[in-house]
């Protein structure tokens, strides 16, 4: 894995997130917060969990602790409010990623999980995990959006590549 691969993964990550947010802004507020059987109780909860995970993993990787805080749904009552905070996180993550080198990616990240168990991971494994974790919950959000008549259409990596500007391919 090299830094250009990580940049590609994160460009895809934010492309897919924005597709979901574009569609989420078209659902009613009732649909946005409606209870569901998905893992984070609603479209709002699912999207918020994804943002929260990205934020907390970045903080961990920057040495600021592990999962010390959690974003609250009440602070993000609309998709637009969620998008605004996600744009801030995206900028912060890009600043972090753009400061990394290929050599940094092979570095070991040590942390204790929420149960106090020591974990050791390569940095690139952690960065990959964030995108992979996001895909799981984006699929849940996509299912809810489709149920509400706002399918985000294909959010596969290959669709991202098809839409990516030629100079970035």
Foldseek 3Di string as FASTA:
>chain_A
DWLLVLVLLLVLLVVLLVLLLVLQQVFDLCQQQQADPDDQGHLLRLNQVLLQLLQQLVCQVVPNAHPPDGDDSVQPSGSVSSVVVSVVSSVVVCVVSVPDGRVQQQDWRWHAPPVRHIDIDRNVVSSVCSSVVNVVSSVVSQVSSVVRVRHSPDSDSVVVVVPDDPVSD
